């Protein structure tokens, strides 16, 4: 699991009530009861590319991870989950199995993604 710093998360006043209502500790207790889990540091799990490790900065509005280095295009949350898995396995010195990632078809991009793509091209 990703180690979440709730005190930092609730500083966002728009999301604070929803974050506090989510019941993170109850959820974590349920997972601990069912299986053995470890906490992984959350720094840059969203920014790092799962495949090559290149940092791809993005805002919360951008939901697609597009790496300039290796060309990987996948969902932002899926990229984050693969980074968390990779870090968790590394803590136990276990190899990450090589898996095929399913690319995301981008049929409709948000305006912010369009702006970021046009800035990189020019």
C-alpha atoms as a PDB file:
ATOM      1  CA  UNK A   1       0.000   0.000   0.000  1.00  0.00           C
ATOM      2  CA  UNK A   2       1.009   3.553  -0.555  1.00  0.00           C
ATOM      3  CA  UNK A   3       1.958   5.320   2.672  1.00  0.00           C
ATOM      4  CA  UNK A   4      -0.433   8.269   2.796  1.00  0.00           C
ATOM      5  CA  UNK A   5       0.259  11.416   4.800  1.00  0.00           C
ATOM      6  CA  UNK A   6      -3.298  12.355   5.756  1.00  0.00           C
ATOM      7  CA  UNK A   7      -2.297  15.529   7.600  1.00  0.00           C
ATOM      8  CA  UNK A   8      -0.865  16.904   4.351  1.00  0.00           C
ATOM      9  CA  UNK A   9      -3.838  15.709   2.313  1.00  0.00           C
ATOM     10  CA  UNK A  10      -6.447  17.492   4.438  1.00  0.00           C
ATOM     11  CA  UNK A  11      -4.757  20.858   3.863  1.00  0.00           C
ATOM     12  CA  UNK A  12      -6.683  20.943   0.589  1.00  0.00           C
ATOM     13  CA  UNK A  13      -9.917  22.456   1.902  1.00  0.00           C
ATOM     14  CA  UNK A  14     -11.905  21.364  -1.166  1.00  0.00           C
ATOM     15  CA  UNK A  15     -11.192  17.680  -0.479  1.00  0.00           C
ATOM     16  CA  UNK A  16     -10.610  17.636   3.294  1.00  0.00           C
ATOM     17  CA  UNK A  17     -14.113  16.489   4.285  1.00  0.00           C
ATOM     18  CA  UNK A  18     -14.145  13.665   1.717  1.00  0.00           C
ATOM     19  CA  UNK A  19     -10.678  12.520   2.746  1.00  0.00           C
ATOM     20  CA  UNK A  20     -11.628  12.424   6.429  1.00  0.00           C
ATOM     21  CA  UNK A  21     -14.869  10.542   5.628  1.00  0.00           C
ATOM     22  CA  UNK A  22     -13.071   7.901   3.572  1.00  0.00           C
ATOM     23  CA  UNK A  23     -12.119   5.733   6.562  1.00  0.00           C
ATOM     24  CA  UNK A  24      -8.507   5.031   5.565  1.00  0.00           C
ATOM     25  CA  UNK A  25      -7.590   3.368   8.862  1.00  0.00           C
ATOM     26  CA  UNK A  26     -10.610   1.032   8.761  1.00  0.00           C
ATOM     27  CA  UNK A  27      -9.758   0.021   5.209  1.00  0.00           C
ATOM     28  CA  UNK A  28      -6.129  -0.584   6.161  1.00  0.00           C
ATOM     29  CA  UNK A  29      -7.183  -2.701   9.160  1.00  0.00           C
ATOM     30  CA  UNK A  30      -9.351  -4.880   6.898  1.00  0.00           C
ATOM     31  CA  UNK A  31      -6.454  -5.457   4.523  1.00  0.00           C
ATOM     32  CA  UNK A  32      -4.097  -6.262   7.425  1.00  0.00           C
ATOM     33  CA  UNK A  33      -6.585  -8.859   8.658  1.00  0.00           C
ATOM     34  CA  UNK A  34      -6.749 -10.624   5.279  1.00  0.00           C
ATOM     35  CA  UNK A  35      -3.125 -10.477   4.112  1.00  0.00           C
ATOM     36  CA  UNK A  36       0.359  -9.275   4.892  1.00  0.00           C
ATOM     37  CA  UNK A  37       0.928  -5.806   3.514  1.00  0.00           C
ATOM     38  CA  UNK A  38       3.668  -3.208   3.691  1.00  0.00           C
ATOM     39  CA  UNK A  39       3.617   0.555   3.289  1.00  0.00           C
ATOM     40  CA  UNK A  40       5.571   2.061   0.408  1.00  0.00           C
ATOM     41  CA  UNK A  41       6.731   5.673   0.354  1.00  0.00           C
ATOM     42  CA  UNK A  42       4.395   7.653  -1.894  1.00  0.00           C
ATOM     43  CA  UNK A  43       6.888  10.229  -3.177  1.00  0.00           C
ATOM     44  CA  UNK A  44       6.816  10.472  -6.999  1.00  0.00           C
ATOM     45  CA  UNK A  45       4.720   7.335  -7.574  1.00  0.00           C
ATOM     46  CA  UNK A  46       2.522   9.377  -9.901  1.00  0.00           C
ATOM     47  CA  UNK A  47       5.387  11.221 -11.575  1.00  0.00           C
ATOM     48  CA  UNK A  48       7.813   8.348 -12.243  1.00  0.00           C
ATOM     49  CA  UNK A  49       7.328   6.305 -15.400  1.00  0.00           C
ATOM     50  CA  UNK A  50       6.798   2.647 -14.525  1.00  0.00           C
ATOM     51  CA  UNK A  51       8.758   1.377 -17.524  1.00  0.00           C
ATOM     52  CA  UNK A  52      11.857   3.611 -17.625  1.00  0.00           C
ATOM     53  CA  UNK A  53      11.753   5.683 -14.399  1.00  0.00           C
ATOM     54  CA  UNK A  54      11.738   9.043 -16.221  1.00  0.00           C
ATOM     55  CA  UNK A  55       9.901  11.806 -14.316  1.00  0.00           C
ATOM     56  CA  UNK A  56       6.803  13.093 -16.114  1.00  0.00           C
ATOM     57  CA  UNK A  57       5.331  15.983 -14.076  1.00  0.00           C
ATOM     58  CA  UNK A  58       1.571  16.440 -14.322  1.00  0.00           C
ATOM     59  CA  UNK A  59      -1.272  18.156 -12.505  1.00  0.00           C
ATOM     60  CA  UNK A  60      -4.251  16.360 -10.966  1.00  0.00           C
ATOM     61  CA  UNK A  61      -6.338  17.282 -13.999  1.00  0.00           C
ATOM     62  CA  UNK A  62      -4.167  15.201 -16.335  1.00  0.00           C
ATOM     63  CA  UNK A  63      -5.357  11.581 -16.102  1.00  0.00           C
ATOM     64  CA  UNK A  64      -3.084   9.993 -18.724  1.00  0.00           C
ATOM     65  CA  UNK A  65       0.606   9.180 -18.163  1.00  0.00           C
ATOM     66  CA  UNK A  66       2.600   9.887 -21.336  1.00  0.00           C
ATOM     67  CA  UNK A  67       6.357   9.281 -21.120  1.00  0.00           C
ATOM     68  CA  UNK A  68       8.558  11.232 -23.523  1.00  0.00           C
ATOM     69  CA  UNK A  69      11.488   8.839 -23.061  1.00  0.00           C
ATOM     70  CA  UNK A  70      10.025   5.373 -23.695  1.00  0.00           C
ATOM     71  CA  UNK A  71       6.670   6.310 -25.261  1.00  0.00           C
ATOM     72  CA  UNK A  72       4.532   4.563 -22.619  1.00  0.00           C
ATOM     73  CA  UNK A  73       0.928   5.820 -22.608  1.00  0.00           C
ATOM     74  CA  UNK A  74      -1.232   4.382 -19.822  1.00  0.00           C
ATOM     75  CA  UNK A  75      -3.763   5.564 -17.276  1.00  0.00           C
ATOM     76  CA  UNK A  76      -2.202   7.725 -14.565  1.00  0.00           C
ATOM     77  CA  UNK A  77      -3.599   5.609 -11.708  1.00  0.00           C
ATOM     78  CA  UNK A  78      -2.473   2.368 -13.347  1.00  0.00           C
ATOM     79  CA  UNK A  79       1.064   3.765 -13.705  1.00  0.00           C
ATOM     80  CA  UNK A  80       0.995   4.710 -10.009  1.00  0.00           C
ATOM     81  CA  UNK A  81      -0.205   1.258  -8.942  1.00  0.00           C
ATOM     82  CA  UNK A  82       2.565  -0.424 -10.942  1.00  0.00           C
ATOM     83  CA  UNK A  83       5.141   1.868  -9.291  1.00  0.00           C
ATOM     84  CA  UNK A  84       3.785   0.988  -5.840  1.00  0.00           C
ATOM     85  CA  UNK A  85       3.907  -2.728  -6.673  1.00  0.00           C
ATOM     86  CA  UNK A  86       7.472  -2.404  -7.973  1.00  0.00           C
ATOM     87  CA  UNK A  87       8.614  -0.581  -4.820  1.00  0.00           C
ATOM     88  CA  UNK A  88       6.893  -3.066  -2.536  1.00  0.00           C
ATOM     89  CA  UNK A  89       8.530  -6.026  -4.257  1.00  0.00           C
ATOM     90  CA  UNK A  90      11.901  -4.244  -4.106  1.00  0.00           C
ATOM     91  CA  UNK A  91      11.588  -3.981  -0.307  1.00  0.00           C
ATOM     92  CA  UNK A  92      11.457  -7.794  -0.170  1.00  0.00           C
ATOM     93  CA  UNK A  93      14.108  -8.202  -2.903  1.00  0.00           C
ATOM     94  CA  UNK A  94      11.577  -9.909  -5.169  1.00  0.00           C
ATOM     95  CA  UNK A  95      11.757  -9.461  -8.937  1.00  0.00           C
ATOM     96  CA  UNK A  96       8.979  -7.671 -10.760  1.00  0.00           C
ATOM     97  CA  UNK A  97       7.464 -10.005 -13.309  1.00  0.00           C
ATOM     98  CA  UNK A  98       7.578  -8.608 -16.795  1.00  0.00           C
ATOM     99  CA  UNK A  99       4.075  -7.902 -17.940  1.00  0.00           C
ATOM    100  CA  UNK A 100       2.512  -6.417 -20.970  1.00  0.00           C
ATOM    101  CA  UNK A 101       0.803  -3.134 -20.167  1.00  0.00           C
ATOM    102  CA  UNK A 102      -2.289  -2.242 -22.105  1.00  0.00           C
ATOM    103  CA  UNK A 103      -1.925   1.176 -23.737  1.00  0.00           C
ATOM    104  CA  UNK A 104      -4.671   3.722 -23.311  1.00  0.00           C
ATOM    105  CA  UNK A 105      -6.595   4.863 -26.343  1.00  0.00           C
ATOM    106  CA  UNK A 106      -6.879   8.621 -26.119  1.00  0.00           C
ATOM    107  CA  UNK A 107     -10.022   9.519 -27.984  1.00  0.00           C
ATOM    108  CA  UNK A 108     -10.913  12.664 -26.041  1.00  0.00           C
ATOM    109  CA  UNK A 109      -8.191  14.610 -24.301  1.00  0.00           C
ATOM    110  CA  UNK A 110      -8.723  17.233 -21.661  1.00  0.00           C
ATOM    111  CA  UNK A 111      -7.830  20.798 -22.558  1.00  0.00           C
ATOM    112  CA  UNK A 112      -4.879  20.765 -20.192  1.00  0.00           C
ATOM    113  CA  UNK A 113      -3.418  17.670 -21.835  1.00  0.00           C
ATOM    114  CA  UNK A 114      -3.772  19.273 -25.236  1.00  0.00           C
ATOM    115  CA  UNK A 115      -1.929  22.358 -23.999  1.00  0.00           C
ATOM    116  CA  UNK A 116       0.893  20.313 -22.483  1.00  0.00           C
ATOM    117  CA  UNK A 117       1.307  18.288 -25.688  1.00  0.00           C
ATOM    118  CA  UNK A 118       1.414  21.369 -27.908  1.00  0.00           C
ATOM    119  CA  UNK A 119       3.985  23.048 -25.653  1.00  0.00           C
ATOM    120  CA  UNK A 120       6.292  19.989 -25.840  1.00  0.00           C
ATOM    121  CA  UNK A 121       6.047  19.761 -29.611  1.00  0.00           C
ATOM    122  CA  UNK A 122       6.886  23.404 -30.307  1.00  0.00           C
END
